[in-house]
Amino acid sequence: MILGIETAVEHVGVALGDHRGIRARTSLASDRRHAEALTPMIQFVMQQAGVEMDQLSAIAVDIGPGLFTGMRVGLAAAQSMAWALDIPIAPVCSLDAVAMHHDSTDLTVAAALDARRGEVYWATYRMRGPGQEPHRLSDPVVSSPDDLAIHLAERAEEVVCVGSGFDRYSDVFEASPWVSTLSVRGHSPSAEALVTIGSQMLVTDRAVSASAVTPMYLRAPDAEINWQVREGIS
């Protein structure tokens, strides 16, 4: 039984599932209320599924890249529960969870999330089939939308593009000569995808202890960037 916690994006999501599939789920569109909403949502899905905390086998949590404050809320909750219950954590990349929305395609999948500040987080994937963890063709990076558009154009192949990064900078990608082969879908990482990927990580012995979980930032937090700009630090 795996609990999935999604707080690295604008919404908060919680899901509970096992080898039979998702047992309960809930989500809330909230860019600022992650900490306030998370605990009641966890209690709700546990009650809906009729599952007690001591029945959990692991916790799958989104480690980013994504919203810095939201990521910290989810990680803190997952680590606290894992320590208390003495269970492992499956640390899932948000871009992997986005790519799961197109698990049935034979085409290359590009997943991109809006990183704000005129940038996107992105990675490319080959899908392994329905319900299977995607295989990364490139590691997660942060770059300008233009750099991502150039990278995809240089692949010279049809690409399925998913995630808020493509929605946010649609003008950049629509201006590219390969747009006729581009399929844009506005998906975000979900707690259900975390449970699916987390279950495979658990089976393949890739879950880790709570103390070993680290966030995937890819760049400095916005507060640190603002301070450096204010102080004239490059």
Protein backbone atom coordinates (compact mmCIF):
# COMPACT_ATOMS: atom_id res chain seq x y z
CA MET A 1 0.00 0.00 0.00
CA ILE A 2 1.60 3.25 -1.18
CA LEU A 3 0.65 6.83 -0.37
CA GLY A 4 1.42 9.37 -3.10
CA ILE A 5 2.02 13.03 -2.17
CA GLU A 6 2.12 15.71 -4.87
CA THR A 7 2.96 19.28 -3.80
CA ALA A 8 5.67 20.35 -6.27
CA VAL A 9 3.25 22.13 -8.62
CA GLU A 10 0.32 24.53 -8.34
CA HIS A 11 -2.06 21.86 -7.08
CA VAL A 12 -1.92 19.55 -4.08
CA GLY A 13 -2.69 15.89 -4.72
CA VAL A 14 -2.85 12.78 -2.57
CA ALA A 15 -3.53 9.22 -3.73
CA LEU A 16 -3.47 5.78 -2.17
CA GLY A 17 -3.00 2.55 -4.10
CA ASP A 18 -1.69 -0.99 -4.22
CA HIS A 19 -1.12 -3.71 -6.83
CA ARG A 20 -4.82 -3.57 -7.71
CA GLY A 21 -4.69 0.12 -8.61
CA ILE A 22 -5.68 3.42 -7.02
CA ARG A 23 -7.92 3.01 -3.98
CA ALA A 24 -8.60 6.69 -3.22
CA ARG A 25 -7.49 10.10 -4.45
CA THR A 26 -8.09 13.81 -4.00
CA SER A 27 -6.62 17.04 -5.36
CA LEU A 28 -6.91 20.75 -4.74
CA ALA A 29 -5.93 23.62 -7.03
CA SER A 30 -3.87 25.79 -4.71
CA ASP A 31 -0.72 27.77 -5.40
CA ARG A 32 -0.29 28.96 -1.80
CA ARG A 33 -2.07 26.54 0.57
CA HIS A 34 0.03 23.39 0.26
CA ALA A 35 0.91 23.12 3.95
CA GLU A 36 -2.62 23.92 5.10
CA ALA A 37 -4.31 21.47 2.73
CA LEU A 38 -1.99 18.45 2.79
CA THR A 39 -2.68 16.85 6.18
CA PRO A 40 -6.51 16.89 5.86
CA MET A 41 -6.18 15.47 2.33
CA ILE A 42 -4.02 12.60 3.57
CA GLN A 43 -6.55 11.84 6.30
CA PHE A 44 -9.37 11.96 3.72
CA VAL A 45 -7.87 9.41 1.31
CA MET A 46 -6.94 7.07 4.16
CA GLN A 47 -10.52 7.18 5.43
CA GLN A 48 -11.98 6.76 1.93
CA ALA A 49 -9.89 3.65 1.36
CA GLY A 50 -10.47 2.28 4.85
CA VAL A 51 -6.73 2.01 5.42
CA GLU A 52 -4.80 2.65 8.63
CA MET A 53 -1.42 4.35 8.69
CA ASP A 54 0.35 1.20 9.88
CA GLN A 55 -0.78 -0.55 6.68
CA LEU A 56 1.35 1.68 4.47
CA SER A 57 4.35 0.04 2.80
CA ALA A 58 5.94 3.20 1.39
CA ILE A 59 5.37 6.84 0.53
CA ALA A 60 5.90 8.18 -2.97
CA VAL A 61 6.64 11.91 -3.05
CA ASP A 62 7.39 14.39 -5.82
CA ILE A 63 10.95 15.64 -5.26
CA GLY A 64 10.80 18.17 -8.11
CA PRO A 65 11.79 20.04 -10.05
CA GLY A 66 8.94 22.38 -9.22
CA LEU A 67 7.77 25.03 -6.77
CA PHE A 68 10.34 25.30 -4.01
CA THR A 69 7.96 25.92 -1.10
CA GLY A 70 5.56 23.23 -2.26
CA MET A 71 8.34 20.70 -2.67
CA ARG A 72 9.55 21.32 0.87
CA VAL A 73 6.03 20.86 2.26
CA GLY A 74 5.63 17.47 0.56
CA LEU A 75 9.11 16.26 1.46
CA ALA A 76 8.74 17.27 5.10
CA ALA A 77 5.41 15.46 5.39
CA ALA A 78 6.70 12.34 3.64
CA GLN A 79 9.84 12.19 5.75
CA SER A 80 7.97 12.71 9.02
CA MET A 81 5.54 9.92 8.21
CA ALA A 82 8.26 7.58 6.95
CA TRP A 83 10.31 8.06 10.12
CA ALA A 84 7.28 7.53 12.36
CA LEU A 85 6.13 4.41 10.49
CA ASP A 86 9.64 3.09 9.70
CA ILE A 87 8.87 2.73 5.99
CA PRO A 88 10.83 3.80 2.88
CA ILE A 89 10.20 6.67 0.48
CA ALA A 90 10.02 6.44 -3.31
CA PRO A 91 11.42 9.79 -4.55
CA VAL A 92 9.78 10.55 -7.91
CA CYS A 93 10.84 13.23 -10.38
CA SER A 94 7.95 15.50 -11.35
CA LEU A 95 8.84 15.22 -15.06
CA ASP A 96 8.66 11.42 -14.88
CA ALA A 97 5.16 11.76 -13.45
CA VAL A 98 4.15 14.16 -16.25
CA ALA A 99 5.43 11.75 -18.91
CA MET A 100 3.26 8.96 -17.45
CA HIS A 101 0.23 10.67 -19.02
CA HIS A 102 1.33 9.29 -22.40
CA ASP A 103 2.43 5.82 -21.39
CA SER A 104 0.92 4.16 -24.46
CA THR A 105 2.72 6.05 -27.22
CA ASP A 106 5.60 4.68 -29.29
CA LEU A 107 6.87 8.19 -29.97
CA THR A 108 9.43 10.14 -28.00
CA VAL A 109 7.79 12.11 -25.20
CA ALA A 110 9.03 15.51 -24.04
CA ALA A 111 7.81 16.60 -20.59
CA ALA A 112 8.18 20.25 -19.58
CA LEU A 113 7.00 22.25 -16.58
CA ASP A 114 6.85 26.01 -16.26
CA ALA A 115 9.84 26.98 -14.10
CA ARG A 116 8.86 30.66 -14.07
CA ARG A 117 11.47 33.38 -14.65
CA GLY A 118 11.20 32.65 -18.39
CA GLU A 119 12.47 29.08 -18.06
CA VAL A 120 11.19 25.50 -18.22
CA TYR A 121 12.18 22.25 -16.53
CA TRP A 122 12.27 19.43 -19.06
CA ALA A 123 13.40 15.93 -20.01
CA THR A 124 12.72 13.49 -22.85
CA TYR A 125 11.47 9.93 -22.59
CA ARG A 126 10.75 6.65 -24.34
CA MET A 127 7.63 4.98 -23.00
CA ARG A 128 7.67 1.34 -21.92
CA GLY A 129 3.93 0.67 -22.15
CA PRO A 130 0.72 1.31 -20.18
CA GLY A 131 1.34 1.64 -16.47
CA GLN A 132 5.11 1.28 -16.84
CA GLU A 133 7.70 3.75 -15.61
CA PRO A 134 9.02 5.89 -18.51
CA HIS A 135 12.64 5.53 -19.62
CA ARG A 136 14.58 8.80 -19.66
CA LEU A 137 16.41 9.68 -22.87
CA SER A 138 17.82 12.86 -21.28
CA ASP A 139 18.30 13.99 -17.71
CA PRO A 140 16.06 16.73 -16.24
CA VAL A 141 17.42 20.22 -16.93
CA VAL A 142 16.29 23.84 -16.71
CA SER A 143 16.62 26.07 -19.77
CA SER A 144 14.89 28.72 -21.82
CA PRO A 145 11.90 27.58 -23.94
CA ASP A 146 13.92 28.48 -27.03
CA ASP A 147 16.69 26.05 -26.07
CA LEU A 148 14.12 23.30 -25.59
CA ALA A 149 12.55 24.10 -28.97
CA ILE A 150 15.97 23.87 -30.63
CA HIS A 151 16.72 20.55 -28.92
CA LEU A 152 13.43 19.01 -30.07
CA ALA A 153 13.84 20.36 -33.61
CA GLU A 154 17.32 18.80 -33.80
CA ARG A 155 15.85 15.40 -32.96
CA ALA A 156 14.18 15.45 -36.39
CA GLU A 157 11.39 13.16 -35.27
CA GLU A 158 7.79 13.39 -34.14
CA VAL A 159 7.58 14.21 -30.46
CA VAL A 160 4.64 14.12 -28.06
CA CYS A 161 4.95 17.18 -25.81
CA VAL A 162 3.26 17.27 -22.41
CA GLY A 163 3.20 19.64 -19.46
CA SER A 164 2.63 23.22 -18.40
CA GLY A 165 5.90 24.38 -19.97
CA PHE A 166 4.47 23.86 -23.43
CA ASP A 167 1.23 25.62 -22.50
CA ARG A 168 3.00 28.59 -20.92
CA TYR A 169 5.29 29.18 -23.90
CA SER A 170 3.07 27.91 -26.69
CA ASP A 171 4.07 30.83 -28.93
CA VAL A 172 7.69 29.64 -28.94
CA PHE A 173 6.78 26.12 -29.99
CA GLU A 174 4.06 27.09 -32.45
CA ALA A 175 6.62 29.25 -34.26
CA SER A 176 8.88 26.25 -34.87
CA PRO A 177 8.90 24.64 -38.33
CA TRP A 178 8.22 21.19 -36.86
CA VAL A 179 4.97 22.23 -35.18
CA SER A 180 2.96 20.03 -37.57
CA THR A 181 4.42 16.99 -35.80
CA LEU A 182 3.94 18.43 -32.32
CA SER A 183 1.20 17.17 -30.03
CA VAL A 184 0.80 19.42 -27.00
CA ARG A 185 -1.05 18.19 -23.90
CA GLY A 186 -1.39 20.33 -20.77
CA HIS A 187 -0.81 17.75 -18.05
CA SER A 188 0.72 18.15 -14.60
CA PRO A 189 2.26 15.49 -12.37
CA SER A 190 -0.40 13.65 -10.37
CA ALA A 191 -0.40 11.76 -7.11
CA GLU A 192 -1.77 8.75 -9.00
CA ALA A 193 1.29 8.73 -11.27
CA LEU A 194 3.51 8.94 -8.19
CA VAL A 195 1.85 5.83 -6.75
CA THR A 196 2.34 3.94 -10.04
CA ILE A 197 6.01 4.89 -10.38
CA GLY A 198 6.60 4.50 -6.65
CA SER A 199 5.26 0.94 -6.68
CA GLN A 200 7.75 0.02 -9.41
CA MET A 201 10.58 1.66 -7.49
CA LEU A 202 9.59 -0.34 -4.43
CA VAL A 203 9.56 -3.63 -6.34
CA THR A 204 12.95 -2.91 -7.92
CA ASP A 205 14.47 -1.93 -4.56
CA ARG A 206 14.96 1.74 -5.44
CA ALA A 207 13.02 3.18 -2.51
CA VAL A 208 15.24 4.90 0.05
CA SER A 209 15.21 5.84 3.71
CA ALA A 210 13.66 9.14 4.75
CA SER A 211 17.08 10.62 5.55
CA ALA A 212 18.36 9.85 2.04
CA VAL A 213 15.69 11.84 0.18
CA THR A 214 16.86 15.09 -1.42
CA PRO A 215 14.94 17.58 -3.56
CA MET A 216 15.73 18.05 -7.26
CA TYR A 217 16.04 21.84 -7.48
CA LEU A 218 18.04 22.30 -10.75
CA ARG A 219 18.49 25.99 -9.84
CA ALA A 220 18.69 28.18 -6.75
CA PRO A 221 15.41 29.03 -4.98
CA ASP A 222 13.75 32.26 -6.16
CA ALA A 223 14.34 33.91 -2.78
CA GLU A 224 18.07 33.29 -3.10
CA ILE A 225 18.09 34.57 -6.69
CA ASN A 226 16.27 37.74 -5.61
CA TRP A 227 18.78 38.33 -2.82
CA GLN A 228 21.73 37.85 -5.20
CA VAL A 229 20.22 40.29 -7.70
CA ARG A 230 19.58 42.84 -4.95
CA GLU A 231 23.13 42.51 -3.66
CA GLY A 232 24.65 42.56 -7.14
CA ILE A 233 26.05 39.03 -6.87
CA SER A 234 26.46 37.06 -10.12
